[in-house]
């Protein structure tokens, strides 16, 4: 009963169009970075610079904490704007903190329904470009997030791991997505929400991971022409096994 009540509360918070509809959305996944006041914060990659992933910045205290703990210099907001504790609020917080506009990027990536494959693909390539640029730039520390830091954040972090760290799709899905709350990887996320994620973000992940495997050089070059055609509509054979592959991509909660 307790689990059901928590799930119902989560769904109500997600779906109700009230001014505070996002205020209570907090990931239950603990951070692997000591000292962070936000949950679900993890290092994605580091070289000359770094990229971290996590949940949204809710207030000035969160932002100051990230500056102190991870040395945050840049922010990538990977989510569409919404009511409540949304993108505009965060942009104001970061401006007041003194982050220059050039260090804060907003990519309005959806979670329910994409405008088109082409738009979502181009947005993904731009996010990957910003992430890689941060890793390759001395002194940079990019903080990447969506709302709770689970679904859209997991999606783009997993693609990064496949392209630049050599992870397999299976490893990226299970270790970077499911283990950090993606869809049904979060045991208290309502089934209705997970169903939407698996009908929108998961198919996009499969399509982009297909391009990462078959066109790695073009992916690393952020070649926007890759986005011209949906892989399901090309004669590559991808469509033949897509439905089965999609059905198999579910998180096994332990």
Foldseek 3Di string as FASTA:
>chain_A
DVLVVLQVLLVCLVPDQDQASQVPQAAPAAEPQPQQPHGLWYWLDADLATEIEFADDQALVNVVSCCVRQVAQAEEAEAAFGHHSTDVVVVVSVVVVPRDPVRYHYQHAYQQADPDLLSNLLSLLVVLVVRVVRRPDHSHYYYYYYHRRAARVLLSSLLNCVLPVVDQNVCSLAPSHLCSHHQVSRVSHHVVSSVSNLVHVLLSSLQSSVCCVPPSVCSVVSPSVVSVDRPCPDPPCCVVCSVVVSVPSDYDHD
